[in-house]
Amino acid sequence: MIRTILGLVQVVPLAITLFVAIAGAFVALIGGLAGWADVTEFGKLAAGLGALGFFGWFLFPVILRSL
């Protein structure tokens, strides 16, 4: 039971940030195609933060092991 919870703690943030990155890219694409500058900027921000969070959480154990 505890291993399942700890496994979810490792995987769920990756899934959430990956979803934010992909959804932000689609929002930026739709905003760019429709000519909505504010929507495009919001999508780019969401995609960037989602990607940063994904790779930050993905590399966090590697950084901790190297210390």
PDB file of N, CA and C in Angstrom:
ATOM      1  N   MET A   1       0.817  -1.194   0.000  1.00  0.00           N
ATOM      2  CA  MET A   1       0.000   0.000   0.000  1.00  0.00           C
ATOM      3  C   MET A   1       0.870   1.271   0.000  1.00  0.00           C
ATOM      4  N   ILE A   2       1.863   1.271   0.872  1.00  0.00           N
ATOM      5  CA  ILE A   2       2.747   2.442   0.957  1.00  0.00           C
ATOM      6  C   ILE A   2       3.557   2.589  -0.332  1.00  0.00           C
ATOM      7  N   ARG A   3       3.992   1.461  -0.923  1.00  0.00           N
ATOM      8  CA  ARG A   3       4.753   1.539  -2.163  1.00  0.00           C
ATOM      9  C   ARG A   3       3.911   2.108  -3.295  1.00  0.00           C
ATOM     10  N   THR A   4       2.634   1.772  -3.302  1.00  0.00           N
ATOM     11  CA  THR A   4       1.742   2.307  -4.322  1.00  0.00           C
ATOM     12  C   THR A   4       1.609   3.819  -4.181  1.00  0.00           C
ATOM     13  N   ILE A   5       1.456   4.277  -2.964  1.00  0.00           N
ATOM     14  CA  ILE A   5       1.330   5.728  -2.724  1.00  0.00           C
ATOM     15  C   ILE A   5       2.618   6.440  -3.102  1.00  0.00           C
ATOM     16  N   LEU A   6       3.759   5.863  -2.725  1.00  0.00           N
ATOM     17  CA  LEU A   6       5.037   6.487  -3.081  1.00  0.00           C
ATOM     18  C   LEU A   6       5.276   6.473  -4.586  1.00  0.00           C
ATOM     19  N   GLY A   7       4.821   5.417  -5.255  1.00  0.00           N
ATOM     20  CA  GLY A   7       4.924   5.381  -6.714  1.00  0.00           C
ATOM     21  C   GLY A   7       4.080   6.451  -7.363  1.00  0.00           C
ATOM     22  N   LEU A   8       2.884   6.684  -6.815  1.00  0.00           N
ATOM     23  CA  LEU A   8       2.022   7.737  -7.352  1.00  0.00           C
ATOM     24  C   LEU A   8       2.609   9.121  -7.108  1.00  0.00           C
ATOM     25  N   VAL A   9       3.260   9.291  -5.978  1.00  0.00           N
ATOM     26  CA  VAL A   9       3.886  10.584  -5.682  1.00  0.00           C
ATOM     27  C   VAL A   9       4.974  10.889  -6.699  1.00  0.00           C
ATOM     28  N   GLN A  10       5.629   9.866  -7.218  1.00  0.00           N
ATOM     29  CA  GLN A  10       6.668  10.082  -8.215  1.00  0.00           C
ATOM     30  C   GLN A  10       6.093  10.330  -9.599  1.00  0.00           C
ATOM     31  N   VAL A  11       4.979   9.679  -9.937  1.00  0.00           N
ATOM     32  CA  VAL A  11       4.465   9.710 -11.310  1.00  0.00           C
ATOM     33  C   VAL A  11       3.455  10.831 -11.547  1.00  0.00           C
ATOM     34  N   VAL A  12       2.611  11.130 -10.589  1.00  0.00           N
ATOM     35  CA  VAL A  12       1.529  12.095 -10.800  1.00  0.00           C
ATOM     36  C   VAL A  12       2.041  13.498 -11.147  1.00  0.00           C
ATOM     37  N   PRO A  13       3.054  14.042 -10.462  1.00  0.00           N
ATOM     38  CA  PRO A  13       3.545  15.366 -10.885  1.00  0.00           C
ATOM     39  C   PRO A  13       4.097  15.371 -12.313  1.00  0.00           C
ATOM     40  N   LEU A  14       4.736  14.282 -12.725  1.00  0.00           N
ATOM     41  CA  LEU A  14       5.217  14.204 -14.100  1.00  0.00           C
ATOM     42  C   LEU A  14       4.058  14.257 -15.079  1.00  0.00           C
ATOM     43  N   ALA A  15       3.000  13.518 -14.781  1.00  0.00           N
ATOM     44  CA  ALA A  15       1.840  13.488 -15.669  1.00  0.00           C
ATOM     45  C   ALA A  15       1.153  14.852 -15.734  1.00  0.00           C
ATOM     46  N   ILE A  16       1.026  15.510 -14.606  1.00  0.00           N
ATOM     47  CA  ILE A  16       0.359  16.818 -14.577  1.00  0.00           C
ATOM     48  C   ILE A  16       1.158  17.854 -15.357  1.00  0.00           C
ATOM     49  N   THR A  17       2.460  17.914 -15.115  1.00  0.00           N
ATOM     50  CA  THR A  17       3.261  18.926 -15.807  1.00  0.00           C
ATOM     51  C   THR A  17       3.383  18.627 -17.301  1.00  0.00           C
ATOM     52  N   LEU A  18       3.424  17.342 -17.668  1.00  0.00           N
ATOM     53  CA  LEU A  18       3.447  16.995 -19.091  1.00  0.00           C
ATOM     54  C   LEU A  18       2.135  17.396 -19.757  1.00  0.00           C
ATOM     55  N   PHE A  19       1.013  17.185 -19.069  1.00  0.00           N
ATOM     56  CA  PHE A  19      -0.279  17.602 -19.606  1.00  0.00           C
ATOM     57  C   PHE A  19      -0.339  19.115 -19.777  1.00  0.00           C
ATOM     58  N   VAL A  20       0.170  19.862 -18.803  1.00  0.00           N
ATOM     59  CA  VAL A  20       0.168  21.327 -18.901  1.00  0.00           C
ATOM     60  C   VAL A  20       1.025  21.782 -20.077  1.00  0.00           C
ATOM     61  N   ALA A  21       2.162  21.130 -20.281  1.00  0.00           N
ATOM     62  CA  ALA A  21       3.038  21.503 -21.393  1.00  0.00           C
ATOM     63  C   ALA A  21       2.365  21.243 -22.740  1.00  0.00           C
ATOM     64  N   ILE A  22       1.737  20.091 -22.889  1.00  0.00           N
ATOM     65  CA  ILE A  22       1.086  19.764 -24.157  1.00  0.00           C
ATOM     66  C   ILE A  22      -0.144  20.637 -24.388  1.00  0.00           C
ATOM     67  N   ALA A  23      -0.945  20.825 -23.347  1.00  0.00           N
ATOM     68  CA  ALA A  23      -2.140  21.671 -23.482  1.00  0.00           C
ATOM     69  C   ALA A  23      -1.744  23.114 -23.790  1.00  0.00           C
ATOM     70  N   GLY A  24      -0.685  23.606 -23.156  1.00  0.00           N
ATOM     71  CA  GLY A  24      -0.213  24.958 -23.434  1.00  0.00           C
ATOM     72  C   GLY A  24       0.256  25.124 -24.867  1.00  0.00           C
ATOM     73  N   ALA A  25       0.887  24.093 -25.401  1.00  0.00           N
ATOM     74  CA  ALA A  25       1.320  24.153 -26.801  1.00  0.00           C
ATOM     75  C   ALA A  25       0.123  24.224 -27.742  1.00  0.00           C
ATOM     76  N   PHE A  26      -0.920  23.455 -27.450  1.00  0.00           N
ATOM     77  CA  PHE A  26      -2.126  23.516 -28.274  1.00  0.00           C
ATOM     78  C   PHE A  26      -2.838  24.863 -28.143  1.00  0.00           C
ATOM     79  N   VAL A  27      -2.868  25.418 -26.940  1.00  0.00           N
ATOM     80  CA  VAL A  27      -3.489  26.731 -26.751  1.00  0.00           C
ATOM     81  C   VAL A  27      -2.707  27.793 -27.522  1.00  0.00           C
ATOM     82  N   ALA A  28      -1.388  27.720 -27.476  1.00  0.00           N
ATOM     83  CA  ALA A  28      -0.570  28.675 -28.230  1.00  0.00           C
ATOM     84  C   ALA A  28      -0.790  28.521 -29.728  1.00  0.00           C
ATOM     85  N   LEU A  29      -0.922  27.294 -30.196  1.00  0.00           N
ATOM     86  CA  LEU A  29      -1.169  27.047 -31.613  1.00  0.00           C
ATOM     87  C   LEU A  29      -2.523  27.610 -32.039  1.00  0.00           C
ATOM     88  N   ILE A  30      -3.543  27.347 -31.254  1.00  0.00           N
ATOM     89  CA  ILE A  30      -4.882  27.842 -31.596  1.00  0.00           C
ATOM     90  C   ILE A  30      -4.914  29.364 -31.531  1.00  0.00           C
ATOM     91  N   GLY A  31      -4.289  29.932 -30.498  1.00  0.00           N
ATOM     92  CA  GLY A  31      -4.242  31.393 -30.401  1.00  0.00           C
ATOM     93  C   GLY A  31      -3.486  32.030 -31.549  1.00  0.00           C
ATOM     94  N   GLY A  32      -2.420  31.371 -31.980  1.00  0.00           N
ATOM     95  CA  GLY A  32      -1.653  31.903 -33.107  1.00  0.00           C
ATOM     96  C   GLY A  32      -2.412  31.822 -34.413  1.00  0.00           C
ATOM     97  N   LEU A  33      -3.123  30.713 -34.614  1.00  0.00           N
ATOM     98  CA  LEU A  33      -3.891  30.564 -35.848  1.00  0.00           C
ATOM     99  C   LEU A  33      -5.088  31.507 -35.901  1.00  0.00           C
ATOM    100  N   ALA A  34      -5.680  31.765 -34.732  1.00  0.00           N
ATOM    101  CA  ALA A  34      -6.848  32.642 -34.691  1.00  0.00           C
ATOM    102  C   ALA A  34      -6.470  34.123 -34.610  1.00  0.00           C
ATOM    103  N   GLY A  35      -5.205  34.417 -34.321  1.00  0.00           N
ATOM    104  CA  GLY A  35      -4.773  35.806 -34.246  1.00  0.00           C
ATOM    105  C   GLY A  35      -4.992  36.440 -32.888  1.00  0.00           C
ATOM    106  N   TRP A  36      -5.159  35.635 -31.856  1.00  0.00           N
ATOM    107  CA  TRP A  36      -5.369  36.145 -30.501  1.00  0.00           C
ATOM    108  C   TRP A  36      -4.032  36.182 -29.782  1.00  0.00           C
ATOM    109  N   ALA A  37      -3.480  37.357 -29.642  1.00  0.00           N
ATOM    110  CA  ALA A  37      -2.144  37.505 -29.064  1.00  0.00           C
ATOM    111  C   ALA A  37      -2.114  37.118 -27.590  1.00  0.00           C
ATOM    112  N   ASP A  38      -3.152  37.478 -26.849  1.00  0.00           N
ATOM    113  CA  ASP A  38      -3.176  37.152 -25.424  1.00  0.00           C
ATOM    114  C   ASP A  38      -3.253  35.647 -25.192  1.00  0.00           C
ATOM    115  N   VAL A  39      -4.043  34.964 -25.993  1.00  0.00           N
ATOM    116  CA  VAL A  39      -4.168  33.512 -25.859  1.00  0.00           C
ATOM    117  C   VAL A  39      -2.852  32.841 -26.235  1.00  0.00           C
ATOM    118  N   THR A  40      -2.200  33.338 -27.267  1.00  0.00           N
ATOM    119  CA  THR A  40      -0.918  32.785 -27.683  1.00  0.00           C
ATOM    120  C   THR A  40       0.127  32.946 -26.579  1.00  0.00           C
ATOM    121  N   GLU A  41       0.183  34.121 -25.976  1.00  0.00           N
ATOM    122  CA  GLU A  41       1.150  34.357 -24.905  1.00  0.00           C
ATOM    123  C   GLU A  41       0.868  33.475 -23.694  1.00  0.00           C
ATOM    124  N   PHE A  42      -0.406  33.314 -23.343  1.00  0.00           N
ATOM    125  CA  PHE A  42      -0.753  32.440 -22.224  1.00  0.00           C
ATOM    126  C   PHE A  42      -0.370  30.993 -22.528  1.00  0.00           C
ATOM    127  N   GLY A  43      -0.609  30.550 -23.749  1.00  0.00           N
ATOM    128  CA  GLY A  43      -0.247  29.194 -24.139  1.00  0.00           C
ATOM    129  C   GLY A  43       1.250  28.967 -24.102  1.00  0.00           C
ATOM    130  N   LYS A  44       2.013  29.960 -24.565  1.00  0.00           N
ATOM    131  CA  LYS A  44       3.468  29.831 -24.520  1.00  0.00           C
ATOM    132  C   LYS A  44       3.970  29.784 -23.085  1.00  0.00           C
ATOM    133  N   LEU A  45       3.375  30.586 -22.221  1.00  0.00           N
ATOM    134  CA  LEU A  45       3.763  30.576 -20.813  1.00  0.00           C
ATOM    135  C   LEU A  45       3.439  29.233 -20.171  1.00  0.00           C
ATOM    136  N   ALA A  46       2.251  28.722 -20.433  1.00  0.00           N
ATOM    137  CA  ALA A  46       1.858  27.432 -19.858  1.00  0.00           C
ATOM    138  C   ALA A  46       2.732  26.299 -20.388  1.00  0.00           C
ATOM    139  N   ALA A  47       3.035  26.316 -21.663  1.00  0.00           N
ATOM    140  CA  ALA A  47       3.885  25.276 -22.238  1.00  0.00           C
ATOM    141  C   ALA A  47       5.298  25.333 -21.655  1.00  0.00           C
ATOM    142  N   GLY A  48       5.821  26.519 -21.510  1.00  0.00           N
ATOM    143  CA  GLY A  48       7.162  26.668 -20.947  1.00  0.00           C
ATOM    144  C   GLY A  48       7.239  26.238 -19.498  1.00  0.00           C
ATOM    145  N   LEU A  49       6.273  26.664 -18.695  1.00  0.00           N
ATOM    146  CA  LEU A  49       6.276  26.275 -17.281  1.00  0.00           C
ATOM    147  C   LEU A  49       6.011  24.782 -17.109  1.00  0.00           C
ATOM    148  N   GLY A  50       5.147  24.230 -17.946  1.00  0.00           N
ATOM    149  CA  GLY A  50       4.892  22.792 -17.881  1.00  0.00           C
ATOM    150  C   GLY A  50       6.126  21.988 -18.230  1.00  0.00           C
ATOM    151  N   ALA A  51       6.833  22.410 -19.268  1.00  0.00           N
ATOM    152  CA  ALA A  51       8.064  21.716 -19.652  1.00  0.00           C
ATOM    153  C   ALA A  51       9.141  21.883 -18.580  1.00  0.00           C
ATOM    154  N   LEU A  52       9.241  23.072 -18.027  1.00  0.00           N
ATOM    155  CA  LEU A  52      10.223  23.302 -16.969  1.00  0.00           C
ATOM    156  C   LEU A  52       9.914  22.444 -15.747  1.00  0.00           C
ATOM    157  N   GLY A  53       8.643  22.381 -15.375  1.00  0.00           N
ATOM    158  CA  GLY A  53       8.252  21.545 -14.249  1.00  0.00           C
ATOM    159  C   GLY A  53       8.470  20.069 -14.520  1.00  0.00           C
ATOM    160  N   PHE A  54       8.176  19.631 -15.743  1.00  0.00           N
ATOM    161  CA  PHE A  54       8.360  18.225 -16.091  1.00  0.00           C
ATOM    162  C   PHE A  54       9.820  17.824 -15.982  1.00  0.00           C
ATOM    163  N   PHE A  55      10.684  18.566 -16.637  1.00  0.00           N
ATOM    164  CA  PHE A  55      12.094  18.196 -16.610  1.00  0.00           C
ATOM    165  C   PHE A  55      12.722  18.455 -15.247  1.00  0.00           C
ATOM    166  N   GLY A  56      12.235  19.450 -14.527  1.00  0.00           N
ATOM    167  CA  GLY A  56      12.728  19.674 -13.169  1.00  0.00           C
ATOM    168  C   GLY A  56      12.382  18.515 -12.255  1.00  0.00           C
ATOM    169  N   TRP A  57      11.137  18.040 -12.321  1.00  0.00           N
ATOM    170  CA  TRP A  57      10.720  16.908 -11.491  1.00  0.00           C
ATOM    171  C   TRP A  57      11.369  15.617 -11.979  1.00  0.00           C
ATOM    172  N   PHE A  58      11.569  15.506 -13.283  1.00  0.00           N
ATOM    173  CA  PHE A  58      12.184  14.316 -13.858  1.00  0.00           C
ATOM    174  C   PHE A  58      13.646  14.181 -13.426  1.00  0.00           C
ATOM    175  N   LEU A  59      14.365  15.276 -13.359  1.00  0.00           N
ATOM    176  CA  LEU A  59      15.785  15.257 -13.010  1.00  0.00           C
ATOM    177  C   LEU A  59      16.056  15.443 -11.517  1.00  0.00           C
ATOM    178  N   PHE A  60      15.013  15.689 -10.735  1.00  0.00           N
ATOM    179  CA  PHE A  60      15.172  15.921  -9.295  1.00  0.00           C
ATOM    180  C   PHE A  60      15.847  14.741  -8.586  1.00  0.00           C
ATOM    181  N   PRO A  61      15.424  13.490  -8.839  1.00  0.00           N
ATOM    182  CA  PRO A  61      16.134  12.374  -8.170  1.00  0.00           C
ATOM    183  C   PRO A  61      17.604  12.253  -8.578  1.00  0.00           C
ATOM    184  N   VAL A  62      17.904  12.567  -9.817  1.00  0.00           N
ATOM    185  CA  VAL A  62      19.298  12.499 -10.275  1.00  0.00           C
ATOM    186  C   VAL A  62      20.131  13.541  -9.545  1.00  0.00           C
ATOM    187  N   ILE A  63      19.578  14.724  -9.374  1.00  0.00           N
ATOM    188  CA  ILE A  63      20.303  15.786  -8.660  1.00  0.00           C
ATOM    189  C   ILE A  63      20.509  15.411  -7.200  1.00  0.00           C
ATOM    190  N   LEU A  64      19.475  14.816  -6.588  1.00  0.00           N
ATOM    191  CA  LEU A  64      19.616  14.416  -5.182  1.00  0.00           C
ATOM    192  C   LEU A  64      20.659  13.310  -5.003  1.00  0.00           C
ATOM    193  N   ARG A  65      20.732  12.380  -5.929  1.00  0.00           N
ATOM    194  CA  ARG A  65      21.710  11.299  -5.839  1.00  0.00           C
ATOM    195  C   ARG A  65      23.131  11.796  -6.031  1.00  0.00           C
ATOM    196  N   SER A  66      23.304  12.870  -6.761  1.00  0.00           N
ATOM    197  CA  SER A  66      24.651  13.359  -7.031  1.00  0.00           C
ATOM    198  C   SER A  66      25.216  14.160  -5.856  1.00  0.00           C
ATOM    199  N   LEU A  67      24.369  14.529  -4.916  1.00  0.00           N
ATOM    200  CA  LEU A  67      24.850  15.323  -3.779  1.00  0.00           C
ATOM    201  C   LEU A  67      25.573  14.487  -2.760  1.00  0.00           C
TER     202      LEU A  67
END
